[in-house]
Amino acid sequence: MELNNIKYSRISDSLYIKGRIGWKGLKKEEYLENGNYQIINGKAVKDGIVDWSLVEFITKERYYESPEIMLKKNDIVITKDGTIGKIALIDDLKLPTTVASGLFVLRNINPEKWNTRFLYYYLISPFFNQFVNTRIEGSVIPHLYQRDFEQLELPELSIKEQNKIVTILSIIDEKIENNYKINHHLVA
């Protein structure tokens, strides 16, 4: 597809997308109070980050049974059930971590073509929200299927253009964060 001289391609053409396979039967009752292997669920994905205080733990065996969703630094997680489209960029991992069945893992396997932060910013944009809304309208239980998510089209900007966009948006994010800290300090 081409619009306004910008070429678009499907997200599945050059990025890794995986979710937990439901038939493996990981149940919430199996979550542990603490441990060495973490599992992120939808409630821990907030405002573009993972709230690590809300992450739960699973056994080593449950972690290793699904290598396709073992998280790596710079992965992006996306909620696909319930509140669909909450996004978080994994900036750091202190423990081996995986995702619950309500999330997708998106991994940039083409860093020469895509800036991961550009992908993150695109996914938190109104473009992605519109995409999600067209897939779930009229659904009793909102769910984003992997086959539908793989149809999402990304603008194929040069890596140089992506880097410029990321620089500008990162500066804005920093200013917003600083203002939040100042306001929070004034209230406290």
C-alpha atoms as a PDB file:
ATOM      1  CA  MET A   1       0.000   0.000   0.000  1.00  0.00           C
ATOM      2  CA  GLU A   2       1.233   3.533  -0.672  1.00  0.00           C
ATOM      3  CA  LEU A   3      -0.283   6.760   0.655  1.00  0.00           C
ATOM      4  CA  ASN A   4       1.172  10.251   0.243  1.00  0.00           C
ATOM      5  CA  ASN A   5       4.356   8.724  -1.182  1.00  0.00           C
ATOM      6  CA  ILE A   6       4.888   6.708   1.995  1.00  0.00           C
ATOM      7  CA  LYS A   7       5.087   2.991   1.462  1.00  0.00           C
ATOM      8  CA  TYR A   8       3.457   0.733   4.072  1.00  0.00           C
ATOM      9  CA  SER A   9       4.164  -2.896   4.897  1.00  0.00           C
ATOM     10  CA  ARG A  10       2.586  -5.419   7.212  1.00  0.00           C
ATOM     11  CA  ILE A  11       4.070  -5.619  10.666  1.00  0.00           C
ATOM     12  CA  SER A  12       4.411  -9.387  10.273  1.00  0.00           C
ATOM     13  CA  ASP A  13       6.684  -8.977   7.240  1.00  0.00           C
ATOM     14  CA  SER A  14       9.701  -7.985   9.304  1.00  0.00           C
ATOM     15  CA  LEU A  15       8.953  -8.228  13.033  1.00  0.00           C
ATOM     16  CA  TYR A  16       8.626 -11.113  15.485  1.00  0.00           C
ATOM     17  CA  ILE A  17       5.128 -11.424  17.000  1.00  0.00           C
ATOM     18  CA  LYS A  18       4.209 -14.144  19.490  1.00  0.00           C
ATOM     19  CA  GLY A  19       1.690 -14.775  22.254  1.00  0.00           C
ATOM     20  CA  ARG A  20       1.325 -17.468  24.892  1.00  0.00           C
ATOM     21  CA  ILE A  21      -0.302 -20.599  23.525  1.00  0.00           C
ATOM     22  CA  GLY A  22      -3.402 -21.127  25.639  1.00  0.00           C
ATOM     23  CA  TRP A  23      -3.403 -24.907  25.505  1.00  0.00           C
ATOM     24  CA  LYS A  24      -0.382 -25.035  27.803  1.00  0.00           C
ATOM     25  CA  GLY A  25      -2.878 -24.288  30.556  1.00  0.00           C
ATOM     26  CA  LEU A  26      -0.971 -21.869  32.807  1.00  0.00           C
ATOM     27  CA  LYS A  27      -3.487 -20.908  35.473  1.00  0.00           C
ATOM     28  CA  LYS A  28      -3.424 -17.916  37.801  1.00  0.00           C
ATOM     29  CA  GLU A  29      -3.458 -20.337  40.744  1.00  0.00           C
ATOM     30  CA  GLU A  30       0.045 -21.415  39.691  1.00  0.00           C
ATOM     31  CA  TYR A  31       1.484 -17.925  40.222  1.00  0.00           C
ATOM     32  CA  LEU A  32       3.940 -17.673  43.109  1.00  0.00           C
ATOM     33  CA  GLU A  33       4.377 -14.933  45.739  1.00  0.00           C
ATOM     34  CA  ASN A  34       8.029 -14.554  44.739  1.00  0.00           C
ATOM     35  CA  GLY A  35      10.690 -16.343  42.787  1.00  0.00           C
ATOM     36  CA  ASN A  36      13.296 -16.093  40.061  1.00  0.00           C
ATOM     37  CA  TYR A  37      10.989 -16.162  37.011  1.00  0.00           C
ATOM     38  CA  GLN A  38       8.530 -13.356  36.341  1.00  0.00           C
ATOM     39  CA  ILE A  39       5.319 -13.239  34.326  1.00  0.00           C
ATOM     40  CA  ILE A  40       3.774  -9.993  33.090  1.00  0.00           C
ATOM     41  CA  ASN A  41       0.000  -9.754  32.807  1.00  0.00           C
ATOM     42  CA  GLY A  42      -2.163  -6.930  31.480  1.00  0.00           C
ATOM     43  CA  LYS A  43      -2.630  -5.168  34.819  1.00  0.00           C
ATOM     44  CA  ALA A  44       1.144  -4.565  35.039  1.00  0.00           C
ATOM     45  CA  VAL A  45       1.216  -2.695  31.693  1.00  0.00           C
ATOM     46  CA  LYS A  46       0.663   0.987  32.495  1.00  0.00           C
ATOM     47  CA  ASP A  47       1.475   4.219  30.692  1.00  0.00           C
ATOM     48  CA  GLY A  48       4.034   2.720  28.339  1.00  0.00           C
ATOM     49  CA  ILE A  49       5.994   0.806  30.967  1.00  0.00           C
ATOM     50  CA  VAL A  50       5.721  -2.310  33.088  1.00  0.00           C
ATOM     51  CA  ASP A  51       4.859  -1.671  36.726  1.00  0.00           C
ATOM     52  CA  TRP A  52       7.237  -4.268  38.137  1.00  0.00           C
ATOM     53  CA  SER A  53       5.491  -4.174  41.530  1.00  0.00           C
ATOM     54  CA  LEU A  54       2.471  -5.829  39.835  1.00  0.00           C
ATOM     55  CA  VAL A  55       4.426  -8.560  38.052  1.00  0.00           C
ATOM     56  CA  GLU A  56       3.942 -12.086  39.387  1.00  0.00           C
ATOM     57  CA  PHE A  57       6.186 -15.142  39.520  1.00  0.00           C
ATOM     58  CA  ILE A  58       6.064 -18.629  38.045  1.00  0.00           C
ATOM     59  CA  THR A  59       8.136 -21.785  38.343  1.00  0.00           C
ATOM     60  CA  LYS A  60      11.277 -22.400  36.320  1.00  0.00           C
ATOM     61  CA  GLU A  61       9.500 -25.249  34.513  1.00  0.00           C
ATOM     62  CA  ARG A  62       6.607 -23.028  33.420  1.00  0.00           C
ATOM     63  CA  TYR A  63       9.028 -20.333  32.273  1.00  0.00           C
ATOM     64  CA  TYR A  64      11.083 -22.711  30.117  1.00  0.00           C
ATOM     65  CA  GLU A  65       8.101 -24.437  28.476  1.00  0.00           C
ATOM     66  CA  SER A  66       7.472 -21.386  26.250  1.00  0.00           C
ATOM     67  CA  PRO A  67      10.802 -20.138  24.860  1.00  0.00           C
ATOM     68  CA  GLU A  68       9.005 -18.221  22.086  1.00  0.00           C
ATOM     69  CA  ILE A  69       7.726 -15.638  24.602  1.00  0.00           C
ATOM     70  CA  MET A  70      10.765 -15.267  26.845  1.00  0.00           C
ATOM     71  CA  LEU A  71      11.276 -11.505  26.939  1.00  0.00           C
ATOM     72  CA  LYS A  72      14.419  -9.698  25.896  1.00  0.00           C
ATOM     73  CA  LYS A  73      15.483  -6.117  26.473  1.00  0.00           C
ATOM     74  CA  ASN A  74      13.781  -3.792  23.929  1.00  0.00           C
ATOM     75  CA  ASP A  75      10.828  -6.107  23.354  1.00  0.00           C
ATOM     76  CA  ILE A  76       7.415  -4.484  23.257  1.00  0.00           C
ATOM     77  CA  VAL A  77       4.447  -6.071  25.020  1.00  0.00           C
ATOM     78  CA  ILE A  78       0.871  -5.390  23.903  1.00  0.00           C
ATOM     79  CA  THR A  79      -2.338  -6.383  25.662  1.00  0.00           C
ATOM     80  CA  LYS A  80      -4.692  -8.410  23.473  1.00  0.00           C
ATOM     81  CA  ASP A  81      -7.530  -9.262  25.865  1.00  0.00           C
ATOM     82  CA  GLY A  82      -9.795  -7.083  28.008  1.00  0.00           C
ATOM     83  CA  THR A  83      -8.275  -3.616  27.799  1.00  0.00           C
ATOM     84  CA  ILE A  84      -6.716  -4.039  24.386  1.00  0.00           C
ATOM     85  CA  GLY A  85      -3.770  -2.076  23.115  1.00  0.00           C
ATOM     86  CA  LYS A  86      -1.908  -1.189  26.303  1.00  0.00           C
ATOM     87  CA  ILE A  87       1.734  -1.000  25.285  1.00  0.00           C
ATOM     88  CA  ALA A  88       5.006  -1.215  27.221  1.00  0.00           C
ATOM     89  CA  LEU A  89       8.599  -1.102  26.082  1.00  0.00           C
ATOM     90  CA  ILE A  90      10.881  -3.422  28.028  1.00  0.00           C
ATOM     91  CA  ASP A  91      13.862  -1.193  28.864  1.00  0.00           C
ATOM     92  CA  ASP A  92      15.395  -3.518  31.429  1.00  0.00           C
ATOM     93  CA  LEU A  93      15.021  -7.046  32.753  1.00  0.00           C
ATOM     94  CA  LYS A  94      16.335  -7.938  36.188  1.00  0.00           C
ATOM     95  CA  LEU A  95      14.987 -11.520  36.115  1.00  0.00           C
ATOM     96  CA  PRO A  96      13.988 -13.945  33.356  1.00  0.00           C
ATOM     97  CA  THR A  97      10.492 -12.818  32.327  1.00  0.00           C
ATOM     98  CA  THR A  98       7.654 -14.091  30.148  1.00  0.00           C
ATOM     99  CA  VAL A  99       4.104 -12.954  29.393  1.00  0.00           C
ATOM    100  CA  ALA A 100       0.652 -14.183  30.363  1.00  0.00           C
ATOM    101  CA  SER A 101      -1.871 -15.263  27.739  1.00  0.00           C
ATOM    102  CA  GLY A 102      -3.361 -11.767  27.434  1.00  0.00           C
ATOM    103  CA  LEU A 103      -0.252 -10.240  25.824  1.00  0.00           C
ATOM    104  CA  PHE A 104       1.724 -10.296  22.605  1.00  0.00           C
ATOM    105  CA  VAL A 105       5.480  -9.986  22.401  1.00  0.00           C
ATOM    106  CA  LEU A 106       6.736  -7.821  19.550  1.00  0.00           C
ATOM    107  CA  ARG A 107      10.458  -8.043  18.810  1.00  0.00           C
ATOM    108  CA  ASN A 108      12.456  -6.005  16.358  1.00  0.00           C
ATOM    109  CA  ILE A 109      14.457  -8.554  14.376  1.00  0.00           C
ATOM    110  CA  ASN A 110      15.426  -5.976  11.725  1.00  0.00           C
ATOM    111  CA  PRO A 111      17.271  -3.158  13.542  1.00  0.00           C
ATOM    112  CA  GLU A 112      18.731  -1.976  10.227  1.00  0.00           C
ATOM    113  CA  LYS A 113      15.165  -1.300   9.043  1.00  0.00           C
ATOM    114  CA  TRP A 114      13.316  -0.360  12.247  1.00  0.00           C
ATOM    115  CA  ASN A 115      14.107   1.738  15.298  1.00  0.00           C
ATOM    116  CA  THR A 116      12.399  -0.081  18.187  1.00  0.00           C
ATOM    117  CA  ARG A 117      11.409   3.189  19.861  1.00  0.00           C
ATOM    118  CA  PHE A 118       9.831   4.325  16.588  1.00  0.00           C
ATOM    119  CA  LEU A 119       7.746   1.119  16.608  1.00  0.00           C
ATOM    120  CA  TYR A 120       6.784   1.801  20.224  1.00  0.00           C
ATOM    121  CA  TYR A 121       5.720   5.371  19.420  1.00  0.00           C
ATOM    122  CA  TYR A 122       3.730   4.169  16.418  1.00  0.00           C
ATOM    123  CA  LEU A 123       1.928   1.622  18.590  1.00  0.00           C
ATOM    124  CA  ILE A 124       0.934   4.246  21.189  1.00  0.00           C
ATOM    125  CA  SER A 125      -0.332   6.542  18.440  1.00  0.00           C
ATOM    126  CA  PRO A 126      -3.938   7.126  17.321  1.00  0.00           C
ATOM    127  CA  PHE A 127      -3.138   5.031  14.203  1.00  0.00           C
ATOM    128  CA  PHE A 128      -2.816   1.885  16.293  1.00  0.00           C
ATOM    129  CA  ASN A 129      -5.846   2.802  18.435  1.00  0.00           C
ATOM    130  CA  GLN A 130      -7.927   3.155  15.281  1.00  0.00           C
ATOM    131  CA  PHE A 131      -6.627  -0.186  14.017  1.00  0.00           C
ATOM    132  CA  VAL A 132      -7.570  -1.896  17.289  1.00  0.00           C
ATOM    133  CA  ASN A 133     -11.008  -0.279  17.404  1.00  0.00           C
ATOM    134  CA  THR A 134     -11.876  -1.520  13.917  1.00  0.00           C
ATOM    135  CA  ARG A 135     -10.984  -5.063  14.980  1.00  0.00           C
ATOM    136  CA  ILE A 136     -13.015  -5.172  18.202  1.00  0.00           C
ATOM    137  CA  GLU A 137     -16.141  -3.096  17.445  1.00  0.00           C
ATOM    138  CA  GLY A 138     -19.247  -5.016  18.395  1.00  0.00           C
ATOM    139  CA  SER A 139     -17.316  -7.667  20.313  1.00  0.00           C
ATOM    140  CA  VAL A 140     -18.844  -8.808  23.571  1.00  0.00           C
ATOM    141  CA  ILE A 141     -15.408  -9.730  24.925  1.00  0.00           C
ATOM    142  CA  PRO A 142     -12.737  -7.583  23.286  1.00  0.00           C
ATOM    143  CA  HIS A 143      -9.843  -9.620  21.910  1.00  0.00           C
ATOM    144  CA  LEU A 144      -7.142  -8.869  19.355  1.00  0.00           C
ATOM    145  CA  TYR A 145      -6.238 -11.988  17.414  1.00  0.00           C
ATOM    146  CA  GLN A 146      -2.661 -12.495  16.280  1.00  0.00           C
ATOM    147  CA  ARG A 147      -3.783 -12.983  12.661  1.00  0.00           C
ATOM    148  CA  ASP A 148      -5.488  -9.560  12.822  1.00  0.00           C
ATOM    149  CA  PHE A 149      -2.534  -7.869  14.535  1.00  0.00           C
ATOM    150  CA  GLU A 150      -0.232  -9.215  11.826  1.00  0.00           C
ATOM    151  CA  GLN A 151      -2.274  -7.181   9.292  1.00  0.00           C
ATOM    152  CA  LEU A 152      -1.267  -3.860  10.891  1.00  0.00           C
ATOM    153  CA  GLU A 153       0.601  -1.736   8.380  1.00  0.00           C
ATOM    154  CA  LEU A 154       3.649   0.330   9.332  1.00  0.00           C
ATOM    155  CA  PRO A 155       4.963   3.326   7.410  1.00  0.00           C
ATOM    156  CA  GLU A 156       8.309   2.421   5.859  1.00  0.00           C
ATOM    157  CA  LEU A 157      10.319   5.484   6.747  1.00  0.00           C
ATOM    158  CA  SER A 158      14.085   5.465   6.449  1.00  0.00           C
ATOM    159  CA  ILE A 159      15.959   4.642   9.639  1.00  0.00           C
ATOM    160  CA  LYS A 160      17.272   8.220   9.566  1.00  0.00           C
ATOM    161  CA  GLU A 161      13.686   9.594   9.541  1.00  0.00           C
ATOM    162  CA  GLN A 162      12.676   7.181  12.297  1.00  0.00           C
ATOM    163  CA  ASN A 163      15.626   8.306  14.429  1.00  0.00           C
ATOM    164  CA  LYS A 164      14.626  11.968  14.001  1.00  0.00           C
ATOM    165  CA  ILE A 165      11.046  11.212  15.046  1.00  0.00           C
ATOM    166  CA  VAL A 166      12.268   9.243  18.073  1.00  0.00           C
ATOM    167  CA  THR A 167      14.580  12.077  19.126  1.00  0.00           C
ATOM    168  CA  ILE A 168      11.755  14.641  19.009  1.00  0.00           C
ATOM    169  CA  LEU A 169       9.234  12.419  20.801  1.00  0.00           C
ATOM    170  CA  SER A 170      11.792  11.385  23.441  1.00  0.00           C
ATOM    171  CA  ILE A 171      12.490  15.057  24.243  1.00  0.00           C
ATOM    172  CA  ILE A 172       8.749  15.678  24.619  1.00  0.00           C
ATOM    173  CA  ASP A 173       8.398  12.594  26.845  1.00  0.00           C
ATOM    174  CA  GLU A 174      11.271  13.820  29.011  1.00  0.00           C
ATOM    175  CA  LYS A 175       9.642  17.232  29.435  1.00  0.00           C
ATOM    176  CA  ILE A 176       6.319  15.631  30.357  1.00  0.00           C
ATOM    177  CA  GLU A 177       8.051  13.389  32.911  1.00  0.00           C
ATOM    178  CA  ASN A 178       9.924  16.354  34.420  1.00  0.00           C
ATOM    179  CA  ASN A 179       6.686  18.373  34.658  1.00  0.00           C
ATOM    180  CA  TYR A 180       4.981  15.428  36.326  1.00  0.00           C
ATOM    181  CA  LYS A 181       7.792  15.194  38.897  1.00  0.00           C
ATOM    182  CA  ILE A 182       7.641  18.946  39.570  1.00  0.00           C
ATOM    183  CA  ASN A 183       3.854  18.864  39.987  1.00  0.00           C
ATOM    184  CA  HIS A 184       4.038  15.783  42.192  1.00  0.00           C
ATOM    185  CA  HIS A 185       6.688  17.471  44.348  1.00  0.00           C
ATOM    186  CA  LEU A 186       4.579  20.651  44.690  1.00  0.00           C
ATOM    187  CA  VAL A 187       1.503  18.667  45.771  1.00  0.00           C
ATOM    188  CA  ALA A 188       3.406  16.544  48.289  1.00  0.00           C
END
